[in-house]
Amino acid sequence: MNTEVLVIGGGYAGVMAANRLTQRDDVTVTLINPRADFVERIRLHQLVGGNHEAVAPYKKVLAPGVQLVVDTVTRIDAAGRSVTLAAGGTVGYDYLVYAVGSGSADPSVPGAARFAHPIGTLEEARRLRPVLDAAPATAPVTVVGAGPAGIETAAELAEQGRAVTLVCGGVLGPYLHPKGRRAVAKRLARLGVTVLDGPGTRVTAVTAHAVRLDDGRELPSGVTVWTAGFGVPDLAARSGLSADPMGRLITDETLTSVDDEHIVAAGDSAAPSDLPYRMGCQSAVQLGPQAAQTVLSRIAGEPPVRVDVGFAGQCISLGRRTGVFQFSRKDDTAISLYVGGFLGAKLKEIICRSTVWQLGQEARKPGVRTWWSKDATRRQRLDEVPATADQAA
């Protein structure tokens, strides 16, 4: 008997899941994705900087047995086990892997949606590139957001000679250990980036030519880049499935939807036990194969195992010549150890290339991706989260 498995989303988690599912000859895998190419999201700042296209052909990362459908899912009918496509029609499934990923958060700051340029998706980054090209070389560029995307974009543009101000709205690189943070700040200063961090640096308004802060300052800005926060598609909630306040599908510890055992989730759009992992490719390439394994276990009539994801740190490029790899404990807590300078840049590039290689390796040899830094402390963190009324019942 053949089993139809549908994967929604062709990012790091979705591709990993689709490839792993091809382990069984009696499983038909269909991947639905809005784009015909795989997006290297960890390179979008390079697309903005004009030194990388940030895409790879799916034939490079996707198993030949996976059918790719370029379309967008507008609704999931869990009862009928089918999805509705934007182009029209429906696709049925026996099991569904929900891996819709994340994008830019909708900014609530007045004027930001109109005058600031987000870069959370391929299309957004592509729209920003000609805006920067058209702006005078002396035009001030303001980057809002102090996470990796903001830091990397600011460094990329400053290295090209742009006058960049990085508005943090708080701490520079909140994830970083103070030692790693000092290394990042030092490099940004050398590149000429003006870093505004600490109190009074929260953006309260964006206009066509300025950015206003909550301490009353108004910064001139020829181009404003918005990197603050991620948003998740509301497909799960629109489809009547349980989702957290951000929109991530709530699952149990096997990545199975709390509403339907025929739906599992992976990547940025998954919230196992309502305690989601950090968004990013590091967790996605681990969650993808584990979500697929849950499906394969159910097909085989075996109990699925609990999810186990661990972290090694966070890597940030600071232009093309320098970077910082911030090491962490397996539970994603930064430690004092980091690698900076030219070696940090090399490590970041190796990681970017190896991530695509891992996807391709799983495509060629499904089931090969079993090594990652497992986090043995997750159970303790789960025990510390108070049960909701529904969970207690």
Protein backbone atom coordinates (compact mmCIF):
# COMPACT_ATOMS: atom_id res chain seq x y z
CA MET A 1 0.00 0.00 0.00
CA ASN A 2 1.42 3.39 -1.01
CA THR A 3 1.46 6.30 1.44
CA GLU A 4 1.16 9.88 0.20
CA VAL A 5 3.20 12.37 2.25
CA LEU A 6 2.93 16.06 1.56
CA VAL A 7 5.59 18.54 2.70
CA ILE A 8 4.59 22.21 2.81
CA GLY A 9 7.64 24.45 2.57
CA GLY A 10 10.93 23.95 0.76
CA GLY A 11 13.35 25.54 3.20
CA TYR A 12 16.02 23.81 5.27
CA ALA A 13 13.55 21.80 7.38
CA GLY A 14 11.17 20.94 4.54
CA VAL A 15 13.92 19.74 2.21
CA MET A 16 15.51 17.65 4.95
CA ALA A 17 12.14 16.08 5.77
CA ALA A 18 11.28 15.38 2.13
CA ASN A 19 14.65 13.74 1.50
CA ARG A 20 14.43 11.57 4.61
CA LEU A 21 10.95 10.36 3.62
CA THR A 22 12.33 8.80 0.42
CA GLN A 23 13.87 6.03 2.53
CA ARG A 24 10.77 3.95 1.86
CA ASP A 25 9.87 2.87 -1.66
CA ASP A 26 6.17 2.73 -0.75
CA VAL A 27 6.05 6.44 0.20
CA THR A 28 5.28 9.10 -2.40
CA VAL A 29 6.66 12.51 -1.39
CA THR A 30 5.37 15.81 -2.75
CA LEU A 31 6.97 19.11 -1.78
CA ILE A 32 4.92 22.30 -2.24
CA ASN A 33 6.91 25.53 -2.24
CA PRO A 34 6.19 29.03 -3.61
CA ARG A 35 9.55 29.20 -5.43
CA ALA A 36 11.25 27.04 -8.04
CA ASP A 37 14.66 27.44 -6.36
CA PHE A 38 15.97 26.70 -2.89
CA VAL A 39 16.67 29.87 -0.89
CA GLU A 40 19.84 30.08 1.21
CA ARG A 41 18.34 32.35 3.83
CA ILE A 42 21.61 32.57 5.73
CA ARG A 43 23.02 34.42 2.70
CA LEU A 44 20.26 37.00 2.19
CA HIS A 45 22.49 39.74 3.61
CA GLN A 46 24.96 38.85 0.85
CA LEU A 47 22.22 39.24 -1.74
CA VAL A 48 21.56 42.70 -0.35
CA GLY A 49 25.30 43.38 -0.54
CA GLY A 50 25.40 42.19 -4.14
CA ASN A 51 27.92 39.38 -3.74
CA HIS A 52 25.70 36.28 -3.75
CA GLU A 53 22.38 35.26 -5.32
CA ALA A 54 21.33 33.32 -2.19
CA VAL A 55 19.62 30.56 -4.20
CA ALA A 56 20.47 27.04 -5.31
CA PRO A 57 18.67 24.77 -7.78
CA TYR A 58 16.47 22.18 -6.11
CA LYS A 59 18.18 19.45 -8.14
CA LYS A 60 21.22 20.15 -5.98
CA VAL A 61 19.47 19.60 -2.64
CA LEU A 62 16.30 17.59 -3.29
CA ALA A 63 16.08 13.84 -3.81
CA PRO A 64 15.08 12.88 -7.38
CA GLY A 65 12.08 10.94 -6.06
CA VAL A 66 10.48 14.05 -4.54
CA GLN A 67 7.86 15.75 -6.71
CA LEU A 68 8.19 19.55 -6.53
CA VAL A 69 5.02 21.61 -6.93
CA VAL A 70 5.63 25.35 -7.24
CA ASP A 71 2.59 26.84 -5.55
CA THR A 72 1.32 28.16 -2.21
CA VAL A 73 -0.97 26.33 0.20
CA THR A 74 -3.83 28.58 1.30
CA ARG A 75 -5.64 26.16 3.61
CA ILE A 76 -5.23 22.77 5.27
CA ASP A 77 -8.31 20.58 5.57
CA ALA A 78 -7.22 18.27 8.37
CA ALA A 79 -10.51 16.34 8.43
CA GLY A 80 -10.40 15.74 4.67
CA ARG A 81 -6.60 15.32 4.62
CA SER A 82 -6.09 17.72 1.76
CA VAL A 83 -4.72 21.18 1.08
CA THR A 84 -5.98 23.97 -1.15
CA LEU A 85 -3.56 25.62 -3.56
CA ALA A 86 -3.44 29.29 -4.51
CA ALA A 87 -3.43 28.35 -8.19
CA GLY A 88 -6.57 26.32 -7.68
CA GLY A 89 -7.37 22.73 -6.89
CA THR A 90 -6.49 20.53 -3.94
CA VAL A 91 -3.84 17.94 -3.10
CA GLY A 92 -4.62 15.01 -0.82
CA TYR A 93 -2.29 13.38 1.68
CA ASP A 94 -2.01 10.57 4.19
CA TYR A 95 0.54 12.52 6.25
CA LEU A 96 1.53 16.17 6.12
CA VAL A 97 4.80 17.81 7.17
CA TYR A 98 4.20 21.44 8.10
CA ALA A 99 7.45 23.34 7.37
CA VAL A 100 6.27 26.74 6.16
CA GLY A 101 9.21 28.52 7.81
CA SER A 102 9.30 32.17 8.76
CA GLY A 103 9.74 35.60 7.25
CA SER A 104 9.86 39.22 8.30
CA ALA A 105 7.63 40.25 11.17
CA ASP A 106 4.99 42.84 10.40
CA PRO A 107 6.41 46.00 11.97
CA SER A 108 3.96 47.80 14.25
CA VAL A 109 6.11 50.94 14.28
CA PRO A 110 4.40 53.82 12.47
CA GLY A 111 5.78 54.24 8.95
CA ALA A 112 7.94 51.12 9.01
CA ALA A 113 5.73 49.08 6.71
CA ARG A 114 5.74 51.90 4.15
CA PHE A 115 9.25 53.31 4.33
CA ALA A 116 11.50 50.53 5.72
CA HIS A 117 12.79 47.60 3.68
CA PRO A 118 12.58 44.13 5.28
CA ILE A 119 14.95 41.37 4.13
CA GLY A 120 13.47 38.25 5.71
CA THR A 121 12.58 36.67 2.36
CA LEU A 122 14.23 36.30 -1.02
CA GLU A 123 11.75 38.66 -2.66
CA GLU A 124 12.29 41.34 -0.02
CA ALA A 125 16.07 41.15 -0.34
CA ARG A 126 15.81 41.33 -4.13
CA ARG A 127 13.61 44.43 -3.91
CA LEU A 128 16.10 46.16 -1.62
CA ARG A 129 19.11 45.58 -3.88
CA PRO A 130 18.09 48.06 -6.63
CA VAL A 131 17.01 50.58 -3.99
CA LEU A 132 20.54 50.57 -2.61
CA ASP A 133 22.04 50.72 -6.09
CA ALA A 134 19.94 53.79 -6.87
CA ALA A 135 20.83 55.59 -3.64
CA PRO A 136 23.84 57.94 -3.67
CA ALA A 137 26.98 56.41 -2.22
CA THR A 138 26.92 59.04 0.53
CA ALA A 139 23.29 58.42 1.49
CA PRO A 140 22.97 57.37 5.15
CA VAL A 141 21.74 53.81 5.61
CA THR A 142 19.97 52.82 8.81
CA VAL A 143 19.70 49.15 9.78
CA VAL A 144 17.13 48.43 12.48
CA GLY A 145 17.64 45.27 14.53
CA ALA A 146 20.60 43.97 16.54
CA GLY A 147 20.35 40.26 15.78
CA PRO A 148 22.51 38.37 13.27
CA ALA A 149 20.56 39.67 10.25
CA GLY A 150 21.00 43.29 11.32
CA ILE A 151 24.66 42.92 12.25
CA GLU A 152 25.52 41.07 9.06
CA THR A 153 23.66 43.49 6.81
CA ALA A 154 25.22 46.52 8.48
CA ALA A 155 28.72 45.06 8.13
CA GLU A 156 28.14 43.99 4.52
CA LEU A 157 27.04 47.47 3.45
CA ALA A 158 29.68 49.31 5.51
CA GLU A 159 32.41 47.22 3.94
CA GLN A 160 31.26 48.61 0.59
CA GLY A 161 31.79 52.15 1.86
CA ARG A 162 28.22 52.95 2.91
CA ALA A 163 27.59 55.22 5.89
CA VAL A 164 25.69 52.78 8.11
CA THR A 165 23.99 53.24 11.46
CA LEU A 166 22.88 50.12 13.32
CA VAL A 167 19.95 50.83 15.64
CA CYS A 168 19.76 48.06 18.23
CA GLY A 169 16.71 48.95 20.30
CA GLY A 170 18.57 47.41 23.24
CA VAL A 171 21.62 45.17 23.44
CA LEU A 172 23.87 44.56 20.43
CA GLY A 173 23.70 40.85 19.60
CA PRO A 174 21.48 39.72 22.52
CA TYR A 175 22.49 36.08 22.02
CA LEU A 176 26.22 36.78 22.26
CA HIS A 177 28.43 36.34 25.30
CA PRO A 178 29.92 39.71 26.39
CA LYS A 179 33.31 38.65 24.98
CA GLY A 180 31.81 37.80 21.60
CA ARG A 181 29.76 41.00 21.69
CA ARG A 182 32.88 43.10 22.24
CA ALA A 183 34.53 41.44 19.25
CA VAL A 184 31.52 42.22 17.05
CA ALA A 185 31.36 45.82 18.28
CA LYS A 186 35.08 46.29 17.64
CA ARG A 187 34.81 45.05 14.07
CA LEU A 188 31.73 47.16 13.34
CA ALA A 189 33.59 50.21 14.62
CA ARG A 190 36.50 49.47 12.30
CA LEU A 191 34.09 49.25 9.39
CA GLY A 192 32.72 52.66 10.33
CA VAL A 193 29.31 51.45 11.51
CA THR A 194 27.69 53.73 14.09
CA VAL A 195 26.13 51.41 16.67
CA LEU A 196 23.28 52.83 18.75
CA ASP A 197 22.50 50.45 21.59
CA GLY A 198 21.15 50.56 25.11
CA PRO A 199 18.28 52.71 26.45
CA GLY A 200 16.67 55.22 24.12
CA THR A 201 17.41 53.30 20.93
CA ARG A 202 13.99 51.83 20.28
CA VAL A 203 12.55 53.00 16.95
CA THR A 204 9.22 54.82 17.35
CA ALA A 205 8.64 55.97 13.77
CA VAL A 206 10.06 55.70 10.26
CA THR A 207 9.60 58.34 7.59
CA ALA A 208 10.80 58.61 4.00
CA HIS A 209 14.04 60.27 5.10
CA ALA A 210 14.46 59.63 8.82
CA VAL A 211 14.21 57.22 11.73
CA ARG A 212 12.95 58.45 15.11
CA LEU A 213 14.05 56.95 18.42
CA ASP A 214 12.27 56.87 21.77
CA ASP A 215 14.80 59.24 23.32
CA GLY A 216 13.71 61.95 20.87
CA ARG A 217 16.55 61.65 18.38
CA GLU A 218 15.80 61.75 14.67
CA LEU A 219 18.35 60.06 12.42
CA PRO A 220 18.59 61.02 8.74
CA SER A 221 18.15 57.90 6.62
CA GLY A 222 18.29 57.61 2.86
CA VAL A 223 17.57 53.87 3.04
CA THR A 224 16.12 52.12 6.10
CA VAL A 225 16.56 48.34 6.39
CA TRP A 226 14.28 46.50 8.83
CA THR A 227 15.62 43.27 10.34
CA ALA A 228 13.87 43.32 13.72
CA GLY A 229 12.06 40.07 14.41
CA PHE A 230 10.61 37.14 12.48
CA GLY A 231 7.03 36.33 11.62
CA VAL A 232 5.42 32.99 10.84
CA PRO A 233 2.67 32.40 8.24
CA ASP A 234 -0.76 32.07 9.81
CA LEU A 235 -1.67 29.00 7.75
CA ALA A 236 -2.04 26.74 10.80
CA ALA A 237 -4.39 29.10 12.64
CA ARG A 238 -6.37 29.85 9.46
CA SER A 239 -6.82 26.12 9.03
CA GLY A 240 -8.20 25.67 12.54
CA LEU A 241 -5.08 24.03 13.98
CA SER A 242 -3.65 24.89 17.38
CA ALA A 243 -0.95 27.56 17.08
CA ASP A 244 1.04 29.67 19.50
CA PRO A 245 0.68 33.50 19.58
CA MET A 246 3.29 33.85 16.83
CA GLY A 247 1.49 31.35 14.60
CA ARG A 248 3.70 28.28 15.00
CA LEU A 249 1.93 24.92 14.95
CA ILE A 250 1.80 23.45 18.45
CA THR A 251 3.01 19.86 18.60
CA ASP A 252 3.96 17.29 21.17
CA GLU A 253 7.55 16.16 21.69
CA THR A 254 7.42 13.91 18.62
CA LEU A 255 6.62 16.98 16.47
CA THR A 256 3.06 15.68 15.97
CA SER A 257 0.26 18.25 15.92
CA VAL A 258 -1.75 18.22 19.15
CA ASP A 259 -4.87 18.17 16.95
CA ASP A 260 -4.06 15.47 14.39
CA GLU A 261 -1.50 12.66 14.37
CA HIS A 262 -1.36 12.85 10.57
CA ILE A 263 0.26 16.30 10.74
CA VAL A 264 3.81 16.90 11.98
CA ALA A 265 5.81 20.13 12.00
CA ALA A 266 9.44 21.09 11.56
CA GLY A 267 11.58 24.21 11.44
CA ASP A 268 10.68 27.77 12.39
CA SER A 269 6.94 27.07 12.18
CA ALA A 270 7.00 24.30 14.83
CA ALA A 271 6.38 24.79 18.54
CA PRO A 272 6.96 21.43 20.25
CA SER A 273 5.28 21.42 23.67
CA ASP A 274 4.69 25.15 23.10
CA LEU A 275 8.42 25.62 23.79
CA PRO A 276 9.91 26.30 20.34
CA TYR A 277 13.57 26.18 19.46
CA ARG A 278 15.53 29.17 18.21
CA MET A 279 14.60 29.97 14.64
CA GLY A 280 17.31 29.27 12.10
CA CYS A 281 18.88 26.65 9.86
CA GLN A 282 20.78 25.06 12.77
CA SER A 283 17.57 23.82 14.33
CA ALA A 284 15.78 23.33 11.00
CA VAL A 285 18.26 20.77 9.62
CA GLN A 286 17.76 18.77 12.82
CA LEU A 287 13.99 19.10 13.07
CA GLY A 288 13.37 18.19 9.42
CA PRO A 289 14.68 14.62 9.51
CA GLN A 290 13.15 14.02 12.93
CA ALA A 291 9.72 15.13 11.69
CA ALA A 292 10.12 12.73 8.76
CA GLN A 293 11.16 9.98 11.13
CA THR A 294 7.97 10.49 13.11
CA VAL A 295 5.96 9.97 9.92
CA LEU A 296 8.00 6.92 8.94
CA SER A 297 7.54 5.43 12.42
CA ARG A 298 3.77 5.82 12.21
CA ILE A 299 3.71 4.23 8.76
CA ALA A 300 5.68 1.30 10.17
CA GLY A 301 3.32 1.02 13.14
CA GLU A 302 6.04 1.97 15.60
CA PRO A 303 5.91 4.64 18.33
CA PRO A 304 7.77 7.81 17.25
CA VAL A 305 10.65 9.01 19.38
CA ARG A 306 10.91 12.34 21.12
CA VAL A 307 12.60 15.25 19.40
CA ASP A 308 16.20 15.99 20.41
CA VAL A 309 17.86 19.16 19.14
CA GLY A 310 21.09 20.67 20.39
CA PHE A 311 23.10 23.74 19.44
CA ALA A 312 26.76 24.53 18.87
CA GLY A 313 26.56 28.33 18.78
CA GLN A 314 25.90 31.18 16.42
CA CYS A 315 28.01 32.30 13.47
CA ILE A 316 27.94 35.91 12.27
CA SER A 317 29.72 37.28 9.23
CA LEU A 318 31.12 40.81 9.52
CA GLY A 319 31.69 41.53 5.87
CA ARG A 320 33.65 39.24 3.57
CA ARG A 321 36.89 39.20 5.56
CA THR A 322 35.89 38.88 9.20
CA GLY A 323 33.38 36.96 11.28
CA VAL A 324 32.61 35.65 14.74
CA PHE A 325 31.64 32.13 15.71
CA GLN A 326 30.06 32.30 19.16
CA PHE A 327 30.17 28.90 20.85
CA SER A 328 27.33 27.80 23.11
CA ARG A 329 26.22 24.99 25.37
CA LYS A 330 23.97 22.39 23.80
CA ASP A 331 20.95 24.16 25.35
CA ASP A 332 21.73 27.24 23.21
CA THR A 333 23.32 29.32 25.98
CA ALA A 334 26.34 31.29 24.79
CA ILE A 335 29.68 30.73 26.54
CA SER A 336 32.80 32.87 26.69
CA LEU A 337 34.56 30.97 23.87
CA TYR A 338 34.40 32.43 20.39
CA VAL A 339 36.46 32.48 17.19
CA GLY A 340 36.85 35.83 15.45
CA GLY A 341 38.72 37.57 12.68
CA PHE A 342 39.61 35.92 9.39
CA LEU A 343 39.10 32.43 10.87
CA GLY A 344 35.61 33.43 11.98
CA ALA A 345 34.80 34.47 8.42
CA LYS A 346 36.15 31.18 7.07
CA LEU A 347 34.04 29.21 9.56
CA LYS A 348 30.91 31.09 8.51
CA GLU A 349 31.54 30.37 4.84
CA ILE A 350 32.25 26.70 5.59
CA ILE A 351 28.97 26.49 7.51
CA CYS A 352 27.02 28.12 4.68
CA ARG A 353 28.45 25.71 2.14
CA SER A 354 28.19 22.66 4.37
CA THR A 355 24.50 23.32 5.06
CA VAL A 356 23.68 23.00 1.36
CA TRP A 357 25.99 19.99 1.19
CA GLN A 358 24.11 18.34 4.07
CA LEU A 359 20.82 18.72 2.21
CA GLY A 360 22.34 17.18 -0.89
CA GLN A 361 23.90 14.37 1.11
CA GLU A 362 20.52 13.52 2.63
CA ALA A 363 19.03 13.59 -0.87
CA ARG A 364 21.60 11.07 -2.11
CA LYS A 365 21.63 8.92 1.02
CA PRO A 366 18.38 9.42 2.97
CA GLY A 367 18.87 8.63 6.63
CA VAL A 368 22.53 9.65 6.74
CA ARG A 369 21.91 12.81 8.78
CA THR A 370 21.85 11.45 12.35
CA TRP A 371 24.64 13.48 13.97
CA TRP A 372 23.89 16.66 15.84
CA SER A 373 24.59 18.20 19.23
CA LYS A 374 21.76 16.73 21.30
CA ASP A 375 20.40 18.72 24.25
CA ALA A 376 19.87 16.55 27.30
CA THR A 377 18.44 19.41 29.39
CA ARG A 378 15.24 20.00 27.36
CA ARG A 379 13.19 17.74 29.64
CA GLN A 380 14.14 19.90 32.60
CA ARG A 381 13.09 23.06 30.77
CA LEU A 382 9.78 21.45 29.81
CA ASP A 383 9.13 20.52 33.43
CA GLU A 384 9.61 24.18 34.38
CA VAL A 385 6.87 25.35 32.00
CA PRO A 386 3.49 25.49 33.78
CA ALA A 387 0.84 23.34 32.12
CA THR A 388 -2.09 25.16 30.51
CA ALA A 389 -5.62 24.05 31.27
CA ASP A 390 -5.74 22.08 28.03
CA GLN A 391 -2.37 20.45 28.68
CA ALA A 392 -3.34 19.57 32.26
CA ALA A 393 -6.50 17.89 31.00
